[in-house]
Protein backbone atom coordinates (compact mmCIF):
# COMPACT_ATOMS: atom_id res chain seq x y z
CA MET A 1 101.17 71.46 102.17
CA PHE A 2 100.62 69.35 99.03
CA SER A 3 99.31 65.84 98.58
CA GLU A 4 101.98 63.66 96.97
CA ASP A 5 100.65 61.96 93.85
CA CYS A 6 103.82 60.34 92.55
CA GLU A 7 106.61 58.01 93.57
CA ARG A 8 110.15 57.83 92.19
CA LEU A 9 112.22 54.92 90.96
CA LEU A 10 116.00 55.24 90.75
CA LEU A 11 117.86 53.36 88.03
CA TYR A 12 121.52 52.39 88.44
CA CYS A 13 123.69 50.54 85.95
CA LYS A 14 127.41 49.97 85.48
CA GLU A 15 127.48 50.98 81.83
CA PRO A 16 124.55 53.11 80.59
CA LYS A 17 125.32 52.36 76.94
CA GLU A 18 125.30 48.63 77.57
CA PHE A 19 122.02 48.84 79.48
CA GLY A 20 120.48 50.90 76.68
CA ALA A 21 121.44 48.22 74.19
CA SER A 22 120.21 45.32 76.30
CA ARG A 23 117.10 46.60 78.03
CA ASN A 24 113.74 45.40 76.74
CA ASP A 25 111.08 47.59 75.15
CA LEU A 26 107.56 47.72 76.51
CA PRO A 27 104.82 45.98 74.49
CA LEU A 28 102.84 48.18 72.10
CA SER A 29 99.89 49.56 74.03
CA GLU A 30 96.34 49.40 72.75
CA GLU A 31 96.45 53.20 72.49
CA VAL A 32 99.44 53.01 70.13
CA LYS A 33 97.91 50.18 68.10
CA ALA A 34 94.73 52.25 67.71
CA ARG A 35 96.70 54.89 65.77
CA TYR A 36 97.04 52.43 62.90
CA LYS A 37 94.13 52.37 60.43
CA ASN A 38 93.61 51.13 56.88
CA PRO A 39 91.40 53.68 55.09
CA ASP A 40 92.59 52.64 51.61
CA ASP A 41 92.30 48.87 52.27
CA ASP A 42 96.02 48.36 51.72
CA GLU A 43 96.70 44.64 51.54
CA ARG A 44 99.70 45.13 53.86
CA GLY A 45 97.33 45.97 56.69
CA ALA A 46 96.93 48.84 59.15
CA TRP A 47 99.19 51.87 58.91
CA GLN A 48 99.58 55.40 60.20
CA SER A 49 100.85 58.44 58.33
CA VAL A 50 103.93 60.39 59.43
CA SER A 51 105.58 63.51 58.10
CA LEU A 52 107.64 63.26 54.90
CA ASN A 53 109.77 66.31 55.66
CA ALA A 54 112.44 67.18 58.21
CA GLN A 55 114.46 70.16 59.39
CA GLY A 56 116.24 71.70 56.42
CA GLY A 57 119.59 71.85 58.15
CA HIS A 58 119.72 68.04 58.15
CA GLY A 59 119.24 67.58 54.41
CA THR A 60 121.43 67.61 51.32
CA LYS A 61 120.76 69.73 48.24
CA ASP A 62 119.07 66.73 46.57
CA GLN A 63 116.34 66.85 49.23
CA PHE A 64 115.11 70.31 48.25
CA TYR A 65 112.68 70.24 45.32
CA ASP A 66 109.08 70.82 44.37
CA PHE A 67 107.04 67.67 44.83
CA VAL A 68 104.89 66.71 41.84
CA ALA A 69 102.14 64.29 42.89
CA PRO A 70 100.74 61.62 40.54
CA ASN A 71 97.66 63.78 39.92
CA GLY A 72 99.91 66.63 38.77
CA LYS A 73 99.54 68.77 41.86
CA VAL A 74 102.74 70.50 42.94
CA HIS A 75 103.65 70.37 46.64
CA LYS A 76 106.19 72.85 47.93
CA LEU A 77 108.28 72.44 51.04
CA PRO A 78 107.39 74.40 54.17
CA GLU A 79 109.96 77.06 54.93
CA GLY A 80 113.09 75.70 56.60
CA ARG A 81 112.25 72.07 55.78
CA CYS A 82 113.55 69.40 53.40
CA TRP A 83 112.07 66.13 52.12
CA LEU A 84 113.12 62.93 53.87
CA TYR A 85 114.21 61.40 50.56
CA THR A 86 115.76 62.46 47.28
CA TRP A 87 113.37 62.62 44.32
CA PRO A 88 114.35 59.18 42.86
CA VAL A 89 113.78 57.50 46.24
CA MET A 90 110.54 59.44 46.69
CA GLN A 91 109.30 58.11 43.35
CA GLU A 92 110.05 54.56 44.53
CA LYS A 93 108.02 55.21 47.69
CA ILE A 94 105.11 56.49 45.62
CA ALA A 95 105.24 53.48 43.28
CA ASP A 96 105.21 51.17 46.30
CA GLY A 97 102.10 52.85 47.70
CA ARG A 98 103.92 54.26 50.72
CA VAL A 99 102.99 57.92 50.19
CA TRP A 100 99.52 59.09 51.19
CA PHE A 101 97.89 62.15 49.66
CA GLY A 102 94.67 61.94 51.63
CA ALA A 103 91.33 60.50 50.59
CA THR A 104 90.98 63.04 47.78
CA GLY A 105 94.58 62.82 46.62
CA ASN A 106 95.14 66.54 47.11
CA ASN A 107 96.51 66.67 50.63
CA ALA A 108 100.15 67.32 51.48
CA PRO A 109 102.10 64.06 51.09
CA ARG A 110 102.73 61.91 54.15
CA GLN A 111 104.53 58.61 54.57
CA LYS A 112 102.68 55.38 55.42
CA LYS A 113 104.18 53.42 58.33
CA PHE A 114 102.72 49.90 58.56
CA LEU A 115 101.97 48.18 61.84
CA PHE A 116 103.64 44.95 60.72
CA GLU A 117 106.88 46.87 60.22
CA ALA A 118 106.69 48.74 63.53
CA LYS A 119 109.12 47.98 66.33
CA ALA A 120 108.06 45.11 68.55
CA GLY A 121 107.74 47.50 71.48
CA LEU A 122 107.98 50.99 72.86
CA THR A 123 110.98 52.66 74.44
CA PRO A 124 110.16 53.06 78.16
CA ASN A 125 109.60 56.66 79.16
CA THR A 126 110.06 58.31 82.54
CA LEU A 127 106.37 58.63 83.40
CA TRP A 128 104.60 55.43 84.42
CA LEU A 129 100.91 55.95 85.05
CA ALA A 130 99.15 54.25 87.93
CA ASN A 131 96.65 52.76 85.48
CA ASP A 132 99.54 50.84 83.90
CA VAL A 133 101.64 49.79 86.88
CA GLY A 134 99.29 49.91 89.87
CA THR A 135 99.35 51.74 93.19
CA ASN A 136 100.17 51.14 96.86
CA ASP A 137 96.44 50.84 97.50
CA GLU A 138 96.21 48.06 94.93
CA ALA A 139 99.18 46.32 96.56
CA LYS A 140 97.61 46.63 100.02
CA LYS A 141 94.47 44.93 98.75
CA ASP A 142 96.65 42.14 97.37
CA THR A 143 98.32 41.65 100.76
CA VAL A 144 94.91 41.53 102.46
CA ARG A 145 93.84 38.90 99.93
CA LEU A 146 97.02 36.89 100.53
CA PHE A 147 97.50 37.31 104.27
CA GLY A 148 94.16 38.45 105.64
CA SER A 149 95.45 41.89 106.62
CA ALA A 150 97.68 44.68 105.32
CA VAL A 151 101.26 44.00 106.43
CA PHE A 152 103.13 47.08 105.18
CA ASP A 153 102.20 50.72 104.66
CA THR A 154 103.79 51.00 101.23
CA PRO A 155 103.83 47.62 99.49
CA LYS A 156 104.76 47.62 95.80
CA PRO A 157 102.16 46.43 93.29
CA GLU A 158 103.04 43.38 91.22
CA ARG A 159 102.42 45.28 87.99
CA LEU A 160 105.12 47.80 88.91
CA LEU A 161 107.69 45.10 89.67
CA GLY A 162 106.57 43.28 86.53
CA ARG A 163 107.50 46.27 84.39
CA VAL A 164 110.87 46.72 86.14
CA ILE A 165 111.76 43.04 85.73
CA HIS A 166 110.57 43.00 82.10
CA ILE A 167 112.71 46.00 81.15
CA ALA A 168 115.88 44.95 82.96
CA THR A 169 115.97 41.15 82.64
CA ASN A 170 115.20 38.18 80.42
CA PRO A 171 113.82 34.75 81.37
CA GLY A 172 116.39 32.81 83.38
CA ASP A 173 118.20 35.94 84.62
CA LEU A 174 118.88 36.43 88.32
CA VAL A 175 116.92 39.10 90.25
CA LEU A 176 118.13 40.30 93.67
CA ASP A 177 115.91 41.97 96.27
CA SER A 178 118.04 42.66 99.33
CA PHE A 179 115.02 44.05 101.27
CA LEU A 180 112.36 41.49 100.42
CA GLY A 181 109.53 42.97 102.49
CA SER A 182 106.32 41.14 101.67
CA GLY A 183 107.96 39.14 98.88
CA THR A 184 106.49 40.95 95.87
CA THR A 185 109.70 40.98 93.83
CA ALA A 186 110.32 37.27 94.35
CA ALA A 187 106.68 36.43 93.59
CA VAL A 188 106.75 38.36 90.30
CA ALA A 189 110.16 36.95 89.35
CA GLN A 190 108.80 33.43 89.86
CA LYS A 191 105.79 34.17 87.67
CA MET A 192 108.03 35.68 84.97
CA ASN A 193 110.44 32.72 84.87
CA ARG A 194 113.35 34.54 86.47
CA ARG A 195 115.67 33.18 89.12
CA TYR A 196 115.80 35.27 92.26
CA ILE A 197 117.43 35.84 95.64
CA GLY A 198 115.46 37.59 98.37
CA ILE A 199 117.01 38.72 101.67
CA GLU A 200 114.96 39.72 104.70
CA MET A 201 115.89 40.18 108.38
CA GLY A 202 112.35 40.50 109.70
CA GLU A 203 110.28 37.63 111.03
CA HIS A 204 107.86 38.16 108.12
CA ALA A 205 110.42 36.28 105.99
CA VAL A 206 108.88 33.23 107.69
CA THR A 207 105.35 34.44 108.36
CA HIS A 208 104.65 36.12 105.02
CA CYS A 209 107.32 35.76 102.31
CA THR A 210 107.57 31.98 102.49
CA PRO A 211 103.78 31.35 102.49
CA ARG A 212 103.35 33.83 99.66
CA LEU A 213 105.94 32.12 97.48
CA GLN A 214 104.38 28.75 98.24
CA LYS A 215 101.04 30.12 97.03
CA VAL A 216 102.74 31.33 93.85
CA VAL A 217 104.24 27.88 93.27
CA ASP A 218 100.77 26.43 93.83
CA GLY A 219 99.30 28.69 91.12
CA GLU A 220 98.09 31.82 92.95
CA GLN A 221 96.20 34.03 90.47
CA GLY A 222 96.62 37.59 91.80
CA GLY A 223 98.81 40.41 90.49
CA VAL A 224 100.48 39.65 87.17
CA SER A 225 99.43 35.99 87.07
CA LYS A 226 96.92 36.39 84.25
CA SER A 227 99.14 38.64 82.10
CA GLN A 228 101.98 36.13 82.49
CA ASN A 229 99.68 33.13 81.97
CA TRP A 230 100.90 31.82 85.31
CA ARG A 231 99.55 28.43 86.36
CA GLY A 232 102.05 27.58 89.09
CA GLY A 233 105.15 25.42 89.17
CA GLY A 234 108.81 25.57 90.08
CA GLY A 235 109.95 26.02 93.65
CA PHE A 236 112.29 27.86 95.98
CA ARG A 237 114.70 27.18 98.83
CA PHE A 238 114.69 28.90 102.21
CA PHE A 239 117.94 29.45 104.08
CA ARG A 240 118.78 30.98 107.43
CA LEU A 241 122.11 32.78 107.63
CA GLY A 242 124.48 31.61 110.33
CA PRO A 243 126.16 33.96 112.80
CA PRO A 244 128.48 36.59 111.30
CA VAL A 245 132.09 35.46 110.96
CA PHE A 246 133.63 38.91 111.50
CA ASP A 247 133.04 41.63 114.08
CA GLU A 248 132.82 45.34 113.28
CA ASP A 249 136.64 45.63 113.26
CA GLY A 250 137.03 42.78 110.76
CA ALA A 251 138.31 40.29 113.34
CA ILE A 252 136.87 36.80 113.64
CA GLN A 253 134.08 36.67 116.23
CA PRO A 254 135.51 35.26 119.48
CA ASP A 255 132.61 32.84 119.95
CA ILE A 256 132.50 31.55 116.37
CA ARG A 257 132.17 27.78 116.14
CA PHE A 258 134.42 25.56 114.04
CA PRO A 259 131.73 24.52 111.46
CA VAL A 260 130.78 28.14 110.78
CA LEU A 261 134.34 29.27 110.09
CA ALA A 262 135.04 26.06 108.16
CA ALA A 263 132.06 26.68 105.88
CA HIS A 264 133.18 30.27 105.33
CA ILE A 265 136.75 29.31 104.44
CA TRP A 266 135.62 26.48 102.18
CA PHE A 267 133.30 28.77 100.24
CA SER A 268 135.95 31.50 100.01
CA GLU A 269 138.41 29.02 98.54
CA THR A 270 136.13 26.93 96.29
CA GLU A 271 133.00 29.07 95.75
CA THR A 272 130.96 25.98 96.57
CA PRO A 273 128.95 25.16 99.71
CA TRP A 274 130.59 22.97 102.36
CA THR A 275 128.81 19.83 103.46
CA LYS A 276 129.37 19.32 107.17
CA PRO A 277 130.52 15.73 107.83
CA LYS A 278 129.09 13.59 110.60
CA SER A 279 132.45 13.59 112.36
CA LEU A 280 134.46 16.84 112.36
CA THR A 281 138.20 16.78 111.69
CA PRO A 282 140.61 19.56 110.66
CA PHE A 283 140.49 18.25 107.06
CA LEU A 284 137.55 19.98 105.32
CA GLY A 285 137.81 18.13 102.01
CA ASP A 286 139.39 18.45 98.60
CA HIS A 287 138.22 20.36 95.55
CA ASP A 288 139.74 20.33 92.05
CA GLY A 289 142.89 18.56 93.30
CA GLN A 290 143.45 20.85 96.28
CA GLY A 291 142.84 19.90 99.92
CA TYR A 292 141.81 22.32 102.67
CA ALA A 293 142.17 22.09 106.45
CA LEU A 294 141.43 24.33 109.43
CA LEU A 295 143.10 24.32 112.84
CA PHE A 296 140.70 26.21 115.04
CA ASN A 297 138.84 26.15 118.34
CA GLY A 298 140.45 22.99 119.70
CA ILE A 299 139.34 20.79 116.81
CA LEU A 300 142.12 18.33 117.71
CA GLY A 301 141.05 18.22 121.35
CA ASP A 302 143.89 20.43 122.57
CA LYS A 303 142.19 23.21 124.55
CA SER A 304 145.40 25.01 125.48
CA ILE A 305 145.87 28.50 124.10
CA GLY A 306 146.92 28.06 120.52
CA GLY A 307 147.95 24.48 121.16
CA GLY A 308 145.76 22.75 118.66
CA ASN A 309 145.67 25.70 116.29
CA VAL A 310 149.37 25.69 115.40
CA LEU A 311 150.67 23.81 112.38
CA THR A 312 153.36 21.41 113.59
CA ARG A 313 154.58 18.03 112.40
CA LYS A 314 152.14 16.49 114.87
CA THR A 315 149.08 18.50 113.77
CA LEU A 316 149.96 18.02 110.10
CA ALA A 317 150.10 14.26 110.69
CA ALA A 318 146.68 14.46 112.36
CA ILE A 319 145.29 16.36 109.36
CA ARG A 320 146.68 13.77 106.94
CA ALA A 321 145.30 10.96 109.09
CA GLY A 322 141.78 12.41 108.83
CA ALA A 323 142.00 13.14 105.09
CA SER A 324 140.35 9.87 104.01
CA GLY A 325 143.22 8.88 101.78
CA TYR A 326 143.81 12.29 100.19
CA THR A 327 147.56 12.86 99.71
CA GLY A 328 147.64 15.86 97.36
CA PRO A 329 148.57 19.51 97.92
CA LEU A 330 147.07 21.03 101.04
CA THR A 331 146.09 24.50 102.22
CA VAL A 332 146.04 24.79 106.01
CA TYR A 333 144.52 27.65 107.99
CA GLY A 334 145.81 28.16 111.54
CA GLU A 335 147.07 30.71 114.06
CA ARG A 336 150.71 30.12 113.14
CA THR A 337 153.14 27.48 111.86
CA VAL A 338 156.42 26.21 113.26
CA LEU A 339 157.31 24.50 109.99
CA SER A 340 159.94 26.21 107.87
CA ASP A 341 159.31 27.30 104.29
CA ALA A 342 161.44 24.38 103.13
CA SER A 343 159.37 21.92 105.19
CA LEU A 344 156.10 23.39 103.86
CA ALA A 345 157.39 23.09 100.30
CA GLU A 346 158.50 19.51 100.92
CA GLU A 347 155.05 18.60 102.31
CA VAL A 348 153.31 20.58 99.48
CA VAL A 349 151.47 22.66 102.08
CA THR A 350 150.35 26.27 101.79
CA PHE A 351 149.87 27.88 105.19
CA LYS A 352 147.38 30.70 105.71
CA GLN A 353 147.17 32.53 109.02
CA THR A 354 143.93 33.24 110.83
CA PRO A 355 142.50 35.78 111.08
CA TYR A 356 144.63 37.72 108.57
CA ASP A 357 144.30 35.37 105.60
CA VAL A 358 140.59 34.70 106.08
CA ARG A 359 139.00 36.56 103.24
CA ALA A 360 135.45 37.81 103.06
CA ARG A 361 133.25 35.78 100.77
CA LYS A 362 133.43 36.73 97.10
C-alpha cells in the first residue's frame, strides 16, 4: 500500500562500549563547515556561536549570577538556566575574545567555537540520506558500466559500503563479506586499503566478482575511486573450496580423498596451509618441532577394511620411513591403534582417532 523509500542496516558488535570508543567519525560535511563564519575578523579563523547557558539543575551556586558585559549592560539568566562557567572563568573567556555579544555588543552573550578546535569529524547518526551514500539505482548503473548489464536487483552502492567500512575499520584491517554478490564490498575495501575476504557460491564469483576486482586493481574509476584518490594497485587471490570434510551428522564424508582430509587436519593442528607433496605418504610434515601423520583411505596401499588405517608397529615404521629424516614427536591420526599407552609414550607418539578427534577448523 506504500512505496518503500528507505532501507535498513543492522549493526552487531561484541562489546558496544568498545565499538563506540574505536569507531571512526564521519568527515565534517560542507553543510557543517558552512555554519562557521568570521564576522569580527578573528585572527583564529572561522567560528560559530553556541549557547553560554545550560539547564539550571546541572549547575552549582557559583554559576548563578547577573552577567555584566564589558559595555556595562547587565544580562540576566533565563528562568531555570545557569551559566556554563563561574564568573572568574567567564571573565577569562571574555578577555580571550571567546564571548560574542553580537555586532552591536548588546545581544545576549554566546560562546565562540572555532573551526580549528572542532572535532575532526561528526558522530554518525541513524539516518543516512541517499544523496550521501547512494541508491540501488546508482549501484545498478555501476554494474551496467562494469559488466554491460544489471546483474542483481538490489546491488549496494559503493558510497554506502564506503561509509560502513570507514566507520568500522582502519587501513589494513580485515573486512569479511560472506555473501559477496557482485563484489562491491571487496572492491571498496581494496580502494580503501583494507584487506578483505569475500565468499560466494554463485558462478558470478568467476564471471563478475573476479573481473570486477581485476578492474579495480587496474585503476577502475567508478564509485568511491575519486573520493579515495584510487589509482589502482595491489592484488587479490582467488580460491575454490574443496569438498566438505563432514556430512550433516558431523561424520567424515565417505568419499573424501586423502589430500583433502590431510589438508584439513594439518590446518586444524598448525593453522597453516598444507602444501601437497608430489608423492603422498602418511607423513604430512612437521611444524614447530611436531610431526603429523594420517592413516586413511589406503594410503599405505592396504585396501582391506581398516588394514592400512590402524597404527601398528608396521605402519608406524612406514610413517617414520617416509618422514624424510624427521625423528621428533609425532601425532598420528587413524581409525585405531594396537600400540599400548606405554609403547606410544616410548615412541613419543600421540594417537588421535578418526573421525572423533578430527576437529573442525578454527
